[in-house]
Amino acid sequence: MTDDTQRVSTARLLDRSDERVKHADTLGNTIRGFVDRVRSGDLGSLPVVVGLIVICTAFESLNPVFLAPNNLVNLLFDCSTVGVISLGIVCILMVGEIDLSVGSVSGFASALVGVLWVGQDWPVAVAIVTALMLGAAIGALYAFLFNRLGMPSFVSTLAGLLAWLGLQLYLLGSSGSINLPYGSPLVNFGQMLVMPPVVSYVLAALASLIMFVAGYRTAARRRAAGLSASSLSRMVLKALLVTIVLEFAVYYLNLGRGIPWMFGLFVGLCVVMNYALTRTKWGRSMSAVGGNREAARRAGINVRRVYLSAFVLCSTLAAAGGILAAARLASSSQQAGTGDVNLNAIAAAVIGGTSLFGGRGSAYSALLGVIVIQSIASGLTLLDLSSSLRYMITGAVLAIAVIVDSLARRSRLSHGRA
C-alpha cells in the first residue's frame, strides 16, 4: 500500500469517527435539551401522554374488552361531541378567560336544530347554519359585556348558563324531546358513517407528510437565519416513526368498524385551529393577550378584537358540539348539554395541557384531554361501576393537571421562560 493510499484510508476512517462522535453528541444534546425543557417547566403533552398510557394499561388489565377495536371506535364517536366543545374552551383559556355556558349553548343549539328541522320543516342545512350563527351571536354578546361593560367572563357566562338552559327548555316545551329522523344524513353521520379503509390509510400518511414538510421548512428558515436546526435524517426518522404509529392505529381500528367521519371532522378542526394558533398573527396575538394583556396592548395588538374572536369561537364551537351530540343521540332533548358536559369540556382542555393562567395552550390539548376523559368513562362503564366513581376520578385527574400546570408555571418563571 502506498503512502498516499494509506493517508486517504486514514482520513476516511477519521471522517467516519468524527461522524459517529457528531451523531453521539447530537443525540446527547437532544436528550439533554429534552431534560432541560422538562426541568424548566416546558412539559408539553408529556403528562397527558403518560397518564393516558397508565389509564389504558389499568383498564385493559381489568377488562380486555377495553382496547378491543369496536370499543375504541365507539370511544372515538363519543370523543367527537365533547371534543369540539373543548376546542372552543382552549380558545377562551388562551386569553385567560373562561366560558361556563358551553354546555347550555350546546343544548340550546341541539334544541334549535330539532325545532327548526323537525318542527318547522326547515332544510337541515339551514337549521344547522342558523344554530351556528346564533352560537356566534352569543359569543359576541359575551365579548360586548366584557370589552365594553367590564363584566367578568365568569359572571356573564354563568348568567348565560342559566339563560340558554331556560331557552332550551322553552323551545322543547312540554314534550321535553324531539326525535330526529333516523336514517337521515345528519343522524347517520353521528352514529354510523366511518371512513373507507383506503381513505383512512391515505389520510394517516398525508398527516405524516405534512408534518415532515412543515418541519423541513422550519429548519430551512432557521438555517437561513443562522440558528440551529434539526438534521434532515432526524426529520425523516421522526416522520417514519409517526407514519408507522398512525398506520398501525388505522389498521387496528379498521379491524372493527373503522374510523368515524365525525372523529375525522374533530381532528380536522384541531389541525386547522393548531395552524391558526401557531402560524398566524392572530394566534400569536392570542398568546400575547393571555400572557400579559397590558403588554400586548402597548405592543399595538387590538386586544378587544382578540377577546371578541375568542368568545365567538368558543360559543360557535359549543353550538357545533351540541349539533353533533344531537346527531349522535338522534334526539334533541332537555338533557342535552346538562350534567357533566361543562365539566368534561373544560377538564379536557386543562388535562390536555392548556394553562388556566392564559397564554399557553394547543388545539391538540382538546384532542388528548377528551380521549383521557372518555377513556375513564368507557373503562368504568365496562367494569359496571357507578358514575359517582367517574366523577371522582375525573375530578382527581383534573386536580392533578392543574397542580402540574401551576408547578410548571413556577418553574418557567424561575428559569425565565414564562
Protein backbone atom coordinates (compact mmCIF):
# COMPACT_ATOMS: atom_id res chain seq x y z
CA MET A 1 0.00 0.00 0.00
CA THR A 2 1.44 3.39 -1.00
CA ASP A 3 1.78 6.27 1.41
CA ASP A 4 -0.90 8.29 -0.46
CA THR A 5 -3.35 5.39 -0.30
CA GLN A 6 -2.67 4.92 3.39
CA ARG A 7 -3.23 8.61 4.08
CA VAL A 8 -6.53 8.55 2.19
CA SER A 9 -7.71 5.47 4.12
CA THR A 10 -6.70 7.06 7.41
CA ALA A 11 -8.57 10.27 6.51
CA ARG A 12 -11.70 8.30 5.68
CA LEU A 13 -11.54 6.45 8.99
CA LEU A 14 -11.13 9.73 10.86
CA ASP A 15 -14.09 11.23 8.98
CA ARG A 16 -16.26 8.26 9.90
CA SER A 17 -15.14 8.51 13.51
CA ASP A 18 -15.95 12.22 13.53
CA GLU A 19 -19.40 11.48 12.12
CA ARG A 20 -20.05 8.92 14.86
CA VAL A 21 -18.91 11.38 17.53
CA LYS A 22 -21.01 14.12 15.97
CA HIS A 23 -24.04 11.82 15.90
CA ALA A 24 -23.48 10.82 19.52
CA ASP A 25 -23.10 14.47 20.52
CA THR A 26 -26.27 15.35 18.60
CA LEU A 27 -28.23 12.54 20.28
CA GLY A 28 -26.82 13.50 23.66
CA ASN A 29 -27.70 17.14 23.05
CA THR A 30 -31.22 16.13 22.08
CA ILE A 31 -31.69 14.17 25.31
CA ARG A 32 -30.14 16.92 27.41
CA GLY A 33 -32.30 19.51 25.69
CA PHE A 34 -35.44 17.48 26.43
CA VAL A 35 -34.45 17.09 30.09
CA ASP A 36 -33.70 20.80 30.37
CA ARG A 37 -37.08 21.70 28.88
CA VAL A 38 -38.87 19.43 31.35
CA ARG A 39 -36.93 20.87 34.29
CA SER A 40 -37.73 24.40 33.17
CA GLY A 41 -41.46 23.64 33.10
CA ASP A 42 -41.90 23.16 29.34
CA LEU A 43 -43.73 19.85 29.68
CA GLY A 44 -45.80 19.95 26.51
CA SER A 45 -48.02 16.87 26.14
CA LEU A 46 -45.78 14.61 28.23
CA PRO A 47 -48.01 14.42 31.37
CA VAL A 48 -51.20 13.63 29.46
CA VAL A 49 -49.49 11.00 27.28
CA VAL A 50 -48.07 9.30 30.36
CA GLY A 51 -51.46 9.50 32.06
CA LEU A 52 -53.22 8.02 29.04
CA ILE A 53 -50.80 5.10 28.95
CA VAL A 54 -51.40 4.43 32.65
CA ILE A 55 -55.20 4.62 32.23
CA CYS A 56 -55.24 2.27 29.23
CA THR A 57 -52.92 -0.20 30.92
CA ALA A 58 -55.02 -0.26 34.09
CA PHE A 59 -58.38 -0.73 32.35
CA GLU A 60 -57.04 -3.28 29.87
CA SER A 61 -55.70 -5.38 32.74
CA LEU A 62 -59.11 -5.25 34.43
CA ASN A 63 -61.17 -5.85 31.28
CA PRO A 64 -59.58 -7.00 27.99
CA VAL A 65 -62.54 -5.58 26.05
CA PHE A 66 -61.32 -2.04 26.74
CA LEU A 67 -58.78 -1.97 23.90
CA ALA A 68 -60.93 -4.03 21.53
CA PRO A 69 -61.24 -2.29 18.13
CA ASN A 70 -65.01 -1.72 18.26
CA ASN A 71 -64.86 -0.31 21.79
CA LEU A 72 -62.21 2.15 20.66
CA VAL A 73 -64.37 3.12 17.68
CA ASN A 74 -67.30 3.86 19.99
CA LEU A 75 -64.92 5.84 22.20
CA LEU A 76 -63.93 7.97 19.18
CA PHE A 77 -67.58 8.65 18.37
CA ASP A 78 -68.14 9.85 21.94
CA CYS A 79 -64.95 11.93 21.95
CA SER A 80 -66.04 13.99 18.97
CA THR A 81 -69.02 15.78 20.53
CA VAL A 82 -67.36 16.95 23.74
CA GLY A 83 -64.04 17.40 21.94
CA VAL A 84 -65.41 20.07 19.60
CA ILE A 85 -66.78 21.97 22.61
CA SER A 86 -63.43 21.59 24.39
CA LEU A 87 -61.66 23.05 21.36
CA GLY A 88 -63.61 26.26 21.95
CA ILE A 89 -62.59 26.18 25.62
CA VAL A 90 -58.95 26.09 24.51
CA CYS A 91 -59.51 29.37 22.64
CA ILE A 92 -61.03 31.15 25.63
CA LEU A 93 -58.45 29.81 28.08
CA MET A 94 -55.68 31.02 25.80
CA VAL A 95 -56.69 34.62 26.57
CA GLY A 96 -57.02 33.90 30.29
CA GLU A 97 -60.83 33.87 30.43
CA ILE A 98 -63.48 31.18 30.91
CA ASP A 99 -66.87 30.23 29.48
CA LEU A 100 -69.14 28.34 31.88
CA SER A 101 -72.10 28.27 29.49
CA VAL A 102 -70.75 25.99 26.76
CA GLY A 103 -72.95 23.12 27.93
CA SER A 104 -76.09 25.25 27.82
CA VAL A 105 -75.14 26.74 24.45
CA SER A 106 -74.66 23.24 23.04
CA GLY A 107 -78.02 22.12 24.42
CA PHE A 108 -79.75 25.22 23.06
CA ALA A 109 -78.21 24.62 19.61
CA SER A 110 -79.33 20.99 19.56
CA ALA A 111 -82.86 22.01 20.58
CA LEU A 112 -82.96 24.73 17.92
CA VAL A 113 -81.94 22.30 15.19
CA GLY A 114 -84.64 19.85 16.29
CA VAL A 115 -87.36 22.53 16.40
CA LEU A 116 -86.44 24.12 13.06
CA TRP A 117 -85.78 20.87 11.20
CA VAL A 118 -88.46 18.56 12.56
CA GLY A 119 -90.99 21.02 13.99
CA GLN A 120 -90.86 23.74 11.31
CA ASP A 121 -89.78 21.61 8.30
CA TRP A 122 -86.71 23.73 7.59
CA PRO A 123 -83.94 22.16 5.49
CA VAL A 124 -81.46 20.57 7.86
CA ALA A 125 -78.54 22.56 6.44
CA VAL A 126 -80.36 25.84 7.08
CA ALA A 127 -81.24 24.76 10.61
CA ILE A 128 -77.58 23.91 11.31
CA VAL A 129 -76.29 27.21 9.91
CA THR A 130 -78.88 29.12 11.95
CA ALA A 131 -77.81 27.37 15.15
CA LEU A 132 -74.14 28.11 14.44
CA MET A 133 -74.88 31.77 13.73
CA LEU A 134 -76.79 32.12 16.99
CA GLY A 135 -73.85 30.47 18.76
CA ALA A 136 -71.57 33.12 17.26
CA ALA A 137 -74.01 35.84 18.33
CA ILE A 138 -73.90 34.56 21.91
CA GLY A 139 -70.12 34.79 21.88
CA ALA A 140 -70.31 38.34 20.50
CA LEU A 141 -72.67 39.25 23.36
CA TYR A 142 -70.20 37.94 25.94
CA ALA A 143 -67.40 39.89 24.25
CA PHE A 144 -69.50 43.09 24.36
CA LEU A 145 -70.22 42.63 28.07
CA PHE A 146 -66.53 42.01 28.72
CA ASN A 147 -64.98 44.66 26.47
CA ARG A 148 -67.45 47.49 26.86
CA LEU A 149 -69.00 46.98 30.29
CA GLY A 150 -66.13 45.25 32.04
CA MET A 151 -68.28 42.33 33.20
CA PRO A 152 -66.06 39.38 34.20
CA SER A 153 -66.43 36.41 31.90
CA PHE A 154 -67.11 34.17 34.91
CA VAL A 155 -70.24 36.21 35.75
CA SER A 156 -71.53 36.77 32.21
CA THR A 157 -71.16 33.15 31.16
CA LEU A 158 -72.64 31.92 34.43
CA ALA A 159 -75.70 34.07 33.70
CA GLY A 160 -75.68 32.68 30.16
CA LEU A 161 -75.61 29.13 31.51
CA LEU A 162 -78.99 29.74 33.15
CA ALA A 163 -80.44 31.84 30.32
CA TRP A 164 -79.66 29.44 27.47
CA LEU A 165 -80.76 26.46 29.52
CA GLY A 166 -84.10 28.18 30.12
CA LEU A 167 -84.42 28.96 26.42
CA GLN A 168 -83.65 25.33 25.58
CA LEU A 169 -86.44 24.14 27.88
CA TYR A 170 -88.82 26.70 26.38
CA LEU A 171 -88.11 25.59 22.81
CA LEU A 172 -88.67 21.92 23.58
CA GLY A 173 -91.88 22.61 25.50
CA SER A 174 -93.81 20.03 27.45
CA SER A 175 -92.70 17.13 25.25
CA GLY A 176 -89.15 17.53 26.50
CA SER A 177 -87.51 15.99 23.43
CA ILE A 178 -87.68 15.81 19.65
CA ASN A 179 -86.62 12.67 17.82
CA LEU A 180 -84.51 13.35 14.75
CA PRO A 181 -85.29 11.31 11.62
CA TYR A 182 -83.41 8.04 11.92
CA GLY A 183 -81.53 7.28 8.72
CA SER A 184 -81.15 10.95 7.82
CA PRO A 185 -77.69 12.12 6.73
CA LEU A 186 -77.11 14.01 9.99
CA VAL A 187 -78.00 11.05 12.21
CA ASN A 188 -76.02 8.64 10.04
CA PHE A 189 -73.04 10.98 10.35
CA GLY A 190 -73.31 10.88 14.13
CA GLN A 191 -73.92 7.15 14.51
CA MET A 192 -72.85 5.10 11.51
CA LEU A 193 -70.58 6.71 8.94
CA VAL A 194 -66.94 5.58 9.01
CA MET A 195 -64.10 6.19 6.59
CA PRO A 196 -63.34 3.62 3.90
CA PRO A 197 -60.08 1.86 4.84
CA VAL A 198 -58.20 3.31 1.85
CA VAL A 199 -59.18 6.85 2.79
CA SER A 200 -58.08 6.39 6.41
CA TYR A 201 -54.69 4.98 5.35
CA VAL A 202 -54.13 7.85 2.92
CA LEU A 203 -55.08 10.48 5.49
CA ALA A 204 -52.68 8.96 8.03
CA ALA A 205 -49.84 9.07 5.50
CA LEU A 206 -50.80 12.59 4.49
CA ALA A 207 -50.62 13.75 8.12
CA SER A 208 -47.05 12.44 8.39
CA LEU A 209 -46.10 14.07 5.09
CA ILE A 210 -47.49 17.44 6.18
CA MET A 211 -45.59 17.18 9.46
CA PHE A 212 -42.35 16.45 7.59
CA VAL A 213 -42.82 19.32 5.11
CA ALA A 214 -43.64 21.76 7.92
CA GLY A 215 -40.57 20.65 9.89
CA TYR A 216 -38.35 20.88 6.82
CA ARG A 217 -39.50 24.42 6.02
CA THR A 218 -39.00 25.49 9.62
CA ALA A 219 -35.49 24.02 9.66
CA ALA A 220 -34.65 25.77 6.38
CA ARG A 221 -35.77 29.14 7.77
CA ARG A 222 -33.73 28.60 10.94
CA ARG A 223 -30.60 27.73 8.96
CA ALA A 224 -31.10 30.79 6.78
CA ALA A 225 -31.24 32.90 9.95
CA GLY A 226 -28.08 31.31 11.30
CA LEU A 227 -29.85 29.31 14.00
CA SER A 228 -29.56 25.63 14.92
CA ALA A 229 -31.99 23.28 13.21
CA SER A 230 -32.84 19.58 13.07
CA SER A 231 -30.97 17.49 10.54
CA LEU A 232 -32.74 16.02 7.54
CA SER A 233 -32.07 12.45 8.70
CA ARG A 234 -33.68 13.16 12.07
CA MET A 235 -36.76 14.67 10.44
CA VAL A 236 -37.09 11.70 8.11
CA LEU A 237 -36.75 9.26 11.02
CA LYS A 238 -39.37 11.16 13.02
CA ALA A 239 -41.77 11.19 10.07
CA LEU A 240 -41.28 7.45 9.54
CA LEU A 241 -41.98 6.71 13.21
CA VAL A 242 -45.14 8.83 13.16
CA THR A 243 -46.26 7.14 9.94
CA ILE A 244 -45.79 3.69 11.46
CA VAL A 245 -47.74 4.62 14.59
CA LEU A 246 -50.61 6.24 12.67
CA GLU A 247 -50.86 3.47 10.09
CA PHE A 248 -50.90 0.80 12.80
CA ALA A 249 -53.64 2.72 14.66
CA VAL A 250 -55.67 2.91 11.44
CA TYR A 251 -55.12 -0.79 10.77
CA TYR A 252 -56.22 -1.73 14.29
CA LEU A 253 -59.36 0.43 14.18
CA ASN A 254 -60.25 -0.98 10.76
CA LEU A 255 -60.35 -4.42 12.37
CA GLY A 256 -63.56 -3.07 13.90
CA ARG A 257 -65.97 -0.66 12.27
CA GLY A 258 -63.29 1.82 11.20
CA ILE A 259 -62.55 5.46 11.94
CA PRO A 260 -65.71 7.62 12.29
CA TRP A 261 -66.09 10.54 9.94
CA MET A 262 -67.28 12.57 12.93
CA PHE A 263 -63.94 11.99 14.65
CA GLY A 264 -62.21 12.93 11.41
CA LEU A 265 -64.11 16.22 11.46
CA PHE A 266 -62.96 16.83 15.04
CA VAL A 267 -59.32 16.09 14.20
CA GLY A 268 -59.58 18.32 11.13
CA LEU A 269 -60.83 21.19 13.28
CA CYS A 270 -57.90 20.59 15.66
CA VAL A 271 -55.42 20.76 12.77
CA VAL A 272 -56.92 23.99 11.44
CA MET A 273 -57.02 25.55 14.90
CA ASN A 274 -53.45 24.47 15.62
CA TYR A 275 -52.28 26.13 12.40
CA ALA A 276 -54.17 29.30 13.30
CA LEU A 277 -52.74 29.41 16.82
CA THR A 278 -49.13 28.68 15.84
CA ARG A 279 -48.68 30.05 12.32
CA THR A 280 -50.77 33.23 12.13
CA LYS A 281 -50.62 36.74 13.53
CA TRP A 282 -53.98 36.11 15.21
CA GLY A 283 -52.60 33.08 17.07
CA ARG A 284 -49.56 35.00 18.29
CA SER A 285 -51.89 37.78 19.43
CA MET A 286 -53.96 35.26 21.40
CA SER A 287 -50.87 34.05 23.26
CA ALA A 288 -49.68 37.61 23.86
CA VAL A 289 -53.01 38.78 25.28
CA GLY A 290 -53.28 35.71 27.51
CA GLY A 291 -49.72 36.16 28.73
CA ASN A 292 -49.92 39.88 29.51
CA ARG A 293 -52.87 41.95 28.37
CA GLU A 294 -51.30 45.34 29.03
CA ALA A 295 -48.04 44.45 27.31
CA ALA A 296 -50.00 43.19 24.30
CA ARG A 297 -51.95 46.46 24.14
CA ARG A 298 -48.77 48.51 24.26
CA ALA A 299 -47.30 46.37 21.50
CA GLY A 300 -50.12 47.52 19.22
CA ILE A 301 -52.38 44.47 19.40
CA ASN A 302 -56.11 45.15 19.20
CA VAL A 303 -56.93 43.44 22.49
CA ARG A 304 -60.69 43.89 22.23
CA ARG A 305 -60.76 42.23 18.82
CA VAL A 306 -58.76 39.29 20.15
CA TYR A 307 -61.22 38.80 23.00
CA LEU A 308 -64.12 39.05 20.55
CA SER A 309 -62.65 36.31 18.36
CA ALA A 310 -62.03 34.06 21.38
CA PHE A 311 -65.57 34.37 22.75
CA VAL A 312 -67.18 33.95 19.31
CA LEU A 313 -65.10 30.86 18.51
CA CYS A 314 -65.85 29.32 21.89
CA SER A 315 -69.63 29.72 21.59
CA THR A 316 -69.71 28.71 17.92
CA LEU A 317 -67.80 25.50 18.60
CA ALA A 318 -70.09 24.84 21.59
CA ALA A 319 -73.07 25.09 19.24
CA ALA A 320 -71.35 22.76 16.76
CA GLY A 321 -70.71 20.25 19.55
CA GLY A 322 -74.37 20.38 20.51
CA ILE A 323 -75.42 19.65 16.93
CA LEU A 324 -73.04 16.68 16.79
CA ALA A 325 -74.41 15.44 20.12
CA ALA A 326 -77.94 15.59 18.74
CA ALA A 327 -76.79 13.61 15.71
CA ARG A 328 -75.11 11.07 17.98
CA LEU A 329 -78.25 10.55 20.07
CA ALA A 330 -80.74 11.08 17.19
CA SER A 331 -82.61 13.38 19.55
CA SER A 332 -82.87 16.95 20.82
CA SER A 333 -83.79 16.70 24.47
CA GLN A 334 -83.83 18.68 27.70
CA GLN A 335 -80.90 16.60 28.95
CA ALA A 336 -78.62 17.75 26.12
CA GLY A 337 -75.80 19.96 27.36
CA THR A 338 -76.60 19.36 31.03
CA GLY A 339 -74.90 17.07 33.54
CA ASP A 340 -71.16 16.81 33.08
CA VAL A 341 -70.82 18.41 29.64
CA ASN A 342 -69.39 21.63 31.08
CA LEU A 343 -67.09 19.69 33.38
CA ASN A 344 -65.80 17.41 30.66
CA ALA A 345 -65.26 20.19 28.11
CA ILE A 346 -63.28 22.40 30.49
CA ALA A 347 -61.48 19.47 32.09
CA ALA A 348 -60.43 18.08 28.70
CA ALA A 349 -58.74 21.34 27.72
CA VAL A 350 -56.91 21.64 31.05
CA ILE A 351 -55.97 17.97 31.30
CA GLY A 352 -54.67 18.14 27.72
CA GLY A 353 -52.20 20.87 28.69
CA THR A 354 -53.90 24.25 28.18
CA SER A 355 -53.00 26.59 31.01
CA LEU A 356 -55.70 28.08 33.21
CA PHE A 357 -53.45 31.13 33.60
CA GLY A 358 -53.66 32.03 29.92
CA GLY A 359 -51.06 32.43 27.20
CA ARG A 360 -50.18 28.74 26.79
CA GLY A 361 -52.13 26.01 25.08
CA SER A 362 -52.59 23.93 21.98
CA ALA A 363 -55.51 22.81 19.87
CA TYR A 364 -54.32 19.26 20.42
CA SER A 365 -54.97 19.74 24.14
CA ALA A 366 -58.67 19.22 23.41
CA LEU A 367 -57.90 16.03 21.47
CA LEU A 368 -55.66 14.48 24.11
CA GLY A 369 -57.75 15.63 27.07
CA VAL A 370 -61.07 14.37 25.77
CA ILE A 371 -59.54 10.98 24.95
CA VAL A 372 -58.38 10.76 28.58
CA ILE A 373 -61.82 11.64 29.93
CA GLN A 374 -63.72 9.33 27.60
CA SER A 375 -61.26 6.52 28.33
CA ILE A 376 -62.06 6.85 32.03
CA ALA A 377 -65.80 6.85 31.30
CA SER A 378 -65.57 3.87 28.94
CA GLY A 379 -63.38 1.87 31.29
CA LEU A 380 -65.67 2.39 34.28
CA THR A 381 -68.73 1.52 32.17
CA LEU A 382 -67.15 -1.76 31.09
CA LEU A 383 -66.39 -2.54 34.73
CA ASP A 384 -70.05 -1.80 35.56
CA LEU A 385 -69.09 0.77 38.19
CA SER A 386 -71.24 3.69 39.22
CA SER A 387 -70.97 7.14 37.67
CA SER A 388 -70.00 8.51 41.07
CA LEU A 389 -66.55 6.94 40.63
CA ARG A 390 -66.22 8.54 37.20
CA TYR A 391 -66.86 11.98 38.69
CA MET A 392 -64.36 11.40 41.48
CA ILE A 393 -61.65 10.03 39.20
CA THR A 394 -62.15 12.77 36.60
CA GLY A 395 -62.04 15.37 39.36
CA ALA A 396 -58.81 13.89 40.72
CA VAL A 397 -57.23 13.86 37.25
CA LEU A 398 -58.29 17.48 36.73
CA ALA A 399 -56.80 18.49 40.08
CA ILE A 400 -53.52 16.77 39.22
CA ALA A 401 -53.46 18.53 35.83
CA VAL A 402 -53.95 21.94 37.46
CA ILE A 403 -51.24 21.20 40.05
CA VAL A 404 -48.82 20.17 37.28
CA ASP A 405 -49.70 23.33 35.34
CA SER A 406 -49.13 25.51 38.40
CA LEU A 407 -45.78 23.88 39.23
CA ALA A 408 -44.68 24.11 35.59
CA ARG A 409 -45.59 27.80 35.55
CA ARG A 410 -43.49 28.42 38.65
CA SER A 411 -40.59 26.54 37.07
CA ARG A 412 -40.87 28.60 33.88
CA LEU A 413 -40.84 31.81 35.92
CA SER A 414 -37.75 30.73 37.83
CA HIS A 415 -35.98 29.82 34.56
CA GLY A 416 -37.09 32.98 32.77
CA ARG A 417 -39.27 31.14 30.23
CA ALA A 418 -42.72 32.34 31.31
